[in-house]
């Protein structure tokens, strides 16, 4: 790998972001704890009936995971803006969309992946049928990158504003509702014994499109915000 090449720049950015996440690992645990607390409170509110909990389990886990990821979205570019490295990314000779794609990947890796790993535990808390768990994990694996990609575009639009948390939430939530509908719908179909591949395929198609379009849109939005 040649020094100064785009691949070297991406690798250095990945290493830097992972190091920053490790130094602030207490903050990185907040989404994980939030999801566990939300799911753990549902049995107290709905009662101990297994059938009732199993019926709402998939939707509850989906909502908890997506809301937990929203907690960390505002910080996606915030620290880079404060220390001036965000401007350096914009003026660097390397493709900005590719560099932002690396940062989006780190956000998914450090925020969504731990949530997916603990999803079986959350499913046990809500008595989710075992045959639905693979569908739930697949749906989360498709829906959570969508939130990181779509959220990055919205964060890039609001990164220059102070106290943009509420505005960011209002921008992101309507855009991720289809992912919630398709993901929870696939789990509910699997639980009822119906075909569930169609919603997952829609999620996969949307994810493939977002992987291409979202970094480009985030790069354009970031240049507008910083200009």
Protein backbone atom coordinates (compact mmCIF):
# COMPACT_ATOMS: atom_id res chain seq x y z
CA UNK A 1 0.00 0.00 0.00
CA UNK A 2 1.62 3.24 -1.17
CA UNK A 3 1.81 6.12 1.32
CA UNK A 4 -0.48 8.95 0.26
CA UNK A 5 -2.78 6.70 -1.75
CA UNK A 6 -6.54 6.64 -1.27
CA UNK A 7 -6.42 3.17 0.25
CA UNK A 8 -3.78 4.32 2.76
CA UNK A 9 -5.91 7.35 3.65
CA UNK A 10 -8.99 5.16 4.20
CA UNK A 11 -7.01 2.75 6.37
CA UNK A 12 -5.59 5.60 8.44
CA UNK A 13 -9.09 7.06 8.89
CA UNK A 14 -10.48 3.70 9.98
CA UNK A 15 -7.64 3.24 12.47
CA UNK A 16 -8.11 6.77 13.84
CA UNK A 17 -11.87 6.44 14.31
CA UNK A 18 -11.53 3.06 16.00
CA UNK A 19 -8.95 4.51 18.38
CA UNK A 20 -11.26 7.42 19.23
CA UNK A 21 -14.15 5.05 19.88
CA UNK A 22 -11.97 2.95 22.17
CA UNK A 23 -10.89 6.03 24.14
CA UNK A 24 -14.56 7.01 24.55
CA UNK A 25 -15.86 3.50 25.05
CA UNK A 26 -18.07 4.67 27.90
CA UNK A 27 -20.05 6.83 25.48
CA UNK A 28 -20.10 3.98 22.93
CA UNK A 29 -21.89 1.77 25.47
CA UNK A 30 -24.81 4.19 25.86
CA UNK A 31 -26.83 2.89 22.86
CA UNK A 32 -26.31 -0.69 24.05
CA UNK A 33 -27.54 0.07 27.56
CA UNK A 34 -30.45 2.10 26.20
CA UNK A 35 -31.70 -0.80 24.07
CA UNK A 36 -31.40 -3.27 26.95
CA UNK A 37 -33.28 -0.98 29.34
CA UNK A 38 -36.10 -0.28 26.86
CA UNK A 39 -36.63 -3.96 26.07
CA UNK A 40 -36.36 -4.99 29.73
CA UNK A 41 -39.11 -2.54 30.72
CA UNK A 42 -41.67 -3.90 28.25
CA UNK A 43 -42.50 -7.08 30.25
CA UNK A 44 -43.26 -4.90 33.27
CA UNK A 45 -45.65 -2.77 31.21
CA UNK A 46 -47.38 -5.55 29.24
CA UNK A 47 -47.40 -8.29 31.85
CA UNK A 48 -45.81 -11.74 31.92
CA UNK A 49 -48.09 -13.40 29.32
CA UNK A 50 -45.84 -15.18 26.84
CA UNK A 51 -48.23 -14.84 23.90
CA UNK A 52 -48.54 -11.07 24.34
CA UNK A 53 -44.79 -10.56 24.66
CA UNK A 54 -44.01 -12.83 21.69
CA UNK A 55 -46.45 -10.94 19.50
CA UNK A 56 -44.78 -7.56 20.04
CA UNK A 57 -41.21 -8.84 20.47
CA UNK A 58 -39.89 -8.23 16.95
CA UNK A 59 -41.34 -4.75 16.63
CA UNK A 60 -40.15 -3.78 20.10
CA UNK A 61 -36.60 -4.93 19.44
CA UNK A 62 -36.55 -3.12 16.11
CA UNK A 63 -37.74 0.14 17.65
CA UNK A 64 -35.29 -0.16 20.55
CA UNK A 65 -32.32 -0.82 18.24
CA UNK A 66 -33.15 2.00 15.83
CA UNK A 67 -33.74 4.52 18.62
CA UNK A 68 -30.51 3.42 20.31
CA UNK A 69 -28.62 4.10 17.08
CA UNK A 70 -30.19 7.55 16.88
CA UNK A 71 -28.46 8.43 20.16
CA UNK A 72 -25.04 8.24 18.52
CA UNK A 73 -25.87 9.81 15.16
CA UNK A 74 -25.35 13.40 16.27
CA UNK A 75 -21.75 12.60 17.24
CA UNK A 76 -20.93 11.08 13.83
CA UNK A 77 -19.12 14.23 12.58
CA UNK A 78 -19.30 16.40 15.72
CA UNK A 79 -15.84 15.64 17.14
CA UNK A 80 -14.26 16.01 13.69
CA UNK A 81 -15.89 19.43 13.33
CA UNK A 82 -14.62 20.56 16.72
CA UNK A 83 -10.99 19.54 16.16
CA UNK A 84 -10.88 20.78 12.55
CA UNK A 85 -10.31 17.39 10.94
CA UNK A 86 -13.64 17.57 9.10
CA UNK A 87 -12.41 20.51 7.02
CA UNK A 88 -9.25 18.55 6.29
CA UNK A 89 -11.34 15.69 4.92
CA UNK A 90 -13.23 18.10 2.67
CA UNK A 91 -10.10 19.68 1.19
CA UNK A 92 -8.11 16.43 0.94
CA UNK A 93 -7.27 15.15 -2.57
CA UNK A 94 -9.00 11.86 -1.88
CA UNK A 95 -12.69 11.25 -2.75
CA UNK A 96 -14.75 12.72 0.09
CA UNK A 97 -17.58 10.22 -0.46
CA UNK A 98 -15.19 7.32 0.07
CA UNK A 99 -13.76 8.85 3.25
CA UNK A 100 -17.25 9.46 4.61
CA UNK A 101 -18.14 5.90 3.70
CA UNK A 102 -15.32 4.74 5.99
CA UNK A 103 -16.67 6.86 8.83
CA UNK A 104 -20.19 5.52 8.26
CA UNK A 105 -18.83 1.97 8.36
CA UNK A 106 -17.11 2.65 11.70
CA UNK A 107 -20.37 4.07 13.07
CA UNK A 108 -22.22 0.91 12.06
CA UNK A 109 -19.44 -1.36 13.33
CA UNK A 110 -19.23 0.25 16.77
CA UNK A 111 -22.91 1.04 17.30
CA UNK A 112 -25.12 -1.35 15.33
CA UNK A 113 -23.02 -4.52 15.43
CA UNK A 114 -23.04 -4.75 19.27
CA UNK A 115 -26.81 -4.25 19.18
CA UNK A 116 -27.19 -7.09 16.67
CA UNK A 117 -24.97 -9.30 18.83
CA UNK A 118 -27.18 -8.80 21.89
CA UNK A 119 -30.40 -9.18 19.87
CA UNK A 120 -30.76 -12.88 20.88
CA UNK A 121 -30.67 -11.80 24.53
CA UNK A 122 -33.35 -9.18 23.86
CA UNK A 123 -35.39 -11.81 22.05
CA UNK A 124 -35.21 -14.07 25.10
CA UNK A 125 -36.45 -11.25 27.34
CA UNK A 126 -39.54 -10.86 25.15
CA UNK A 127 -40.13 -14.57 24.52
CA UNK A 128 -39.59 -14.34 20.76
CA UNK A 129 -40.16 -17.75 19.09
CA UNK A 130 -36.82 -19.39 18.20
CA UNK A 131 -37.76 -19.84 14.53
CA UNK A 132 -38.15 -16.05 14.15
CA UNK A 133 -34.71 -15.18 15.52
CA UNK A 134 -32.78 -15.79 12.25
CA UNK A 135 -35.25 -13.58 10.39
CA UNK A 136 -34.87 -10.88 13.05
CA UNK A 137 -31.07 -10.96 12.85
CA UNK A 138 -31.17 -10.80 9.05
CA UNK A 139 -33.59 -7.88 9.10
CA UNK A 140 -31.44 -6.01 11.64
CA UNK A 141 -28.32 -6.68 9.57
CA UNK A 142 -30.05 -5.03 6.61
CA UNK A 143 -31.87 -2.22 8.40
CA UNK A 144 -29.11 -0.92 10.69
CA UNK A 145 -26.68 -0.01 7.87
CA UNK A 146 -29.57 1.87 6.28
CA UNK A 147 -29.92 3.99 9.39
CA UNK A 148 -26.20 4.73 9.45
CA UNK A 149 -26.21 5.70 5.77
CA UNK A 150 -29.38 7.79 5.84
CA UNK A 151 -28.42 9.30 9.18
CA UNK A 152 -25.03 10.35 7.81
CA UNK A 153 -26.71 12.42 5.10
CA UNK A 154 -28.94 14.13 7.67
CA UNK A 155 -26.01 14.70 10.03
CA UNK A 156 -24.02 16.26 7.20
CA UNK A 157 -26.89 18.68 6.57
CA UNK A 158 -27.08 19.76 10.23
CA UNK A 159 -23.46 19.46 11.35
CA UNK A 160 -22.92 23.22 11.35
CA UNK A 161 -25.91 23.92 13.59
CA UNK A 162 -25.87 24.09 17.36
CA UNK A 163 -28.25 21.84 19.26
CA UNK A 164 -29.32 20.02 16.11
CA UNK A 165 -30.40 16.86 17.96
CA UNK A 166 -34.15 17.42 17.66
CA UNK A 167 -33.90 18.56 14.04
CA UNK A 168 -31.77 15.53 13.22
CA UNK A 169 -34.34 13.22 14.79
CA UNK A 170 -37.16 14.84 12.82
CA UNK A 171 -35.19 14.38 9.60
CA UNK A 172 -34.14 10.78 10.17
CA UNK A 173 -37.25 9.20 11.68
CA UNK A 174 -39.57 9.53 8.65
CA UNK A 175 -36.84 8.11 6.41
CA UNK A 176 -36.29 4.96 8.48
CA UNK A 177 -39.97 4.15 9.02
CA UNK A 178 -40.04 1.98 5.82
CA UNK A 179 -37.08 -0.02 7.13
CA UNK A 180 -38.95 -0.54 10.40
CA UNK A 181 -42.10 -1.61 8.56
CA UNK A 182 -40.32 -4.08 6.28
CA UNK A 183 -38.08 -5.49 9.02
CA UNK A 184 -40.81 -5.98 11.61
CA UNK A 185 -43.18 -7.17 8.87
CA UNK A 186 -40.77 -9.91 7.83
CA UNK A 187 -40.50 -11.08 11.46
CA UNK A 188 -44.28 -11.04 11.93
CA UNK A 189 -44.78 -13.00 8.70
CA UNK A 190 -42.23 -15.60 9.81
CA UNK A 191 -43.96 -15.84 13.18
CA UNK A 192 -47.34 -16.43 11.52
CA UNK A 193 -45.90 -19.02 9.13
CA UNK A 194 -46.11 -16.89 5.98
CA UNK A 195 -43.45 -16.11 3.38
CA UNK A 196 -41.05 -13.47 4.65
CA UNK A 197 -38.42 -13.17 1.93
CA UNK A 198 -40.08 -10.30 0.02
CA UNK A 199 -39.65 -7.67 2.79
CA UNK A 200 -36.05 -8.75 3.29
CA UNK A 201 -35.37 -8.44 -0.43
CA UNK A 202 -36.84 -4.93 -0.42
CA UNK A 203 -34.54 -4.04 2.47
CA UNK A 204 -31.55 -5.51 0.62
CA UNK A 205 -32.38 -3.54 -2.54
CA UNK A 206 -32.76 -0.33 -0.55
CA UNK A 207 -29.47 -0.99 1.21
CA UNK A 208 -27.63 -1.61 -2.07
CA UNK A 209 -28.94 1.68 -3.45
CA UNK A 210 -28.09 3.56 -0.26
CA UNK A 211 -24.50 2.25 -0.20
CA UNK A 212 -23.97 3.94 -3.57
CA UNK A 213 -26.03 7.11 -3.14
CA UNK A 214 -25.74 7.99 0.57
CA UNK A 215 -21.96 8.68 0.75
CA UNK A 216 -22.23 10.89 -2.35
CA UNK A 217 -25.19 12.76 -0.88
CA UNK A 218 -23.43 13.10 2.48
CA UNK A 219 -20.33 14.53 0.78
CA UNK A 220 -22.42 17.10 -1.12
CA UNK A 221 -24.39 18.01 2.02
CA UNK A 222 -21.20 18.39 4.05
CA UNK A 223 -19.69 20.77 1.52
CA UNK A 224 -22.86 22.86 1.62
CA UNK A 225 -22.91 22.92 5.43
CA UNK A 226 -19.28 23.95 5.72
CA UNK A 227 -19.31 26.52 2.93
